[in-house]
Amino acid sequence: MVLKVLSSKIAHKSDVGGGKVGLTPDTVGPALEHMVQGLAAQGCRTTPFSSRAWSAAASS
């Protein structure tokens, strides 16, 4: 599984910790929390997905 920041304003997601690869169902939740906290510390605003969007993205 992969987590990736979706933003047209961030050209290089890796520069802000906006990408994580090789995740499992057990590690995706903590990785998402860590990513959101890291982005917030850099002044980025995050918007949570709805549970329906998360479900669709996770099952793709």
Protein backbone atom coordinates (compact mmCIF):
# COMPACT_ATOMS: atom_id res chain seq x y z
CA MET A 1 0.00 0.00 0.00
CA VAL A 2 1.09 3.58 -0.66
CA LEU A 3 0.20 6.93 0.94
CA LYS A 4 0.74 10.07 -1.12
CA VAL A 5 -0.07 13.72 -0.58
CA LEU A 6 -2.50 15.05 -3.16
CA SER A 7 -1.68 18.70 -3.77
CA SER A 8 -1.03 20.84 -6.83
CA LYS A 9 0.96 23.23 -4.63
CA ILE A 10 3.59 20.71 -3.50
CA ALA A 11 5.82 19.81 -6.46
CA HIS A 12 8.05 17.31 -4.68
CA LYS A 13 6.03 15.27 -2.20
CA SER A 14 9.16 13.61 -0.82
CA ASP A 15 10.54 17.02 0.26
CA VAL A 16 7.72 17.35 2.80
CA GLY A 17 7.35 13.71 3.81
CA GLY A 18 4.32 13.36 1.57
CA GLY A 19 4.86 9.80 0.39
CA LYS A 20 5.11 6.41 2.08
CA VAL A 21 5.46 3.07 0.28
CA GLY A 22 5.39 -0.57 1.29
CA LEU A 23 2.67 -0.15 3.89
CA THR A 24 0.49 -2.95 5.23
CA PRO A 25 -3.01 -2.76 6.71
CA ASP A 26 -1.35 -2.67 10.15
CA THR A 27 1.08 0.17 9.32
CA VAL A 28 -1.04 2.44 7.11
CA GLY A 29 -2.91 4.09 10.02
CA PRO A 30 0.18 5.04 12.03
CA ALA A 31 1.95 6.14 8.82
CA LEU A 32 -0.97 8.41 7.94
CA GLU A 33 -0.97 9.98 11.41
CA HIS A 34 2.79 10.54 11.21
CA MET A 35 2.46 12.10 7.74
CA VAL A 36 -0.35 14.45 8.81
CA GLN A 37 1.60 15.55 11.91
CA GLY A 38 4.75 16.15 9.85
CA LEU A 39 2.88 18.18 7.25
CA ALA A 40 1.14 20.25 9.94
CA ALA A 41 4.50 20.98 11.58
CA GLN A 42 5.63 22.42 8.24
CA GLY A 43 2.57 24.66 8.00
CA CYS A 44 0.60 22.50 5.56
CA ARG A 45 -3.13 22.23 6.06
CA THR A 46 -4.62 18.77 5.73
CA THR A 47 -8.18 17.74 4.97
CA PRO A 48 -9.32 14.26 5.96
CA PHE A 49 -10.94 11.95 3.44
CA SER A 50 -14.42 10.71 4.12
CA SER A 51 -14.53 7.08 5.22
CA ARG A 52 -16.10 6.22 1.87
CA ALA A 53 -13.22 7.78 -0.09
CA TRP A 54 -10.70 6.07 2.15
CA SER A 55 -12.40 2.73 1.58
CA ALA A 56 -12.38 3.21 -2.20
CA ALA A 57 -8.75 4.31 -2.23
CA ALA A 58 -7.65 1.48 0.04
CA SER A 59 -9.36 -1.19 -2.03
CA SER A 60 -8.00 -0.02 -5.40
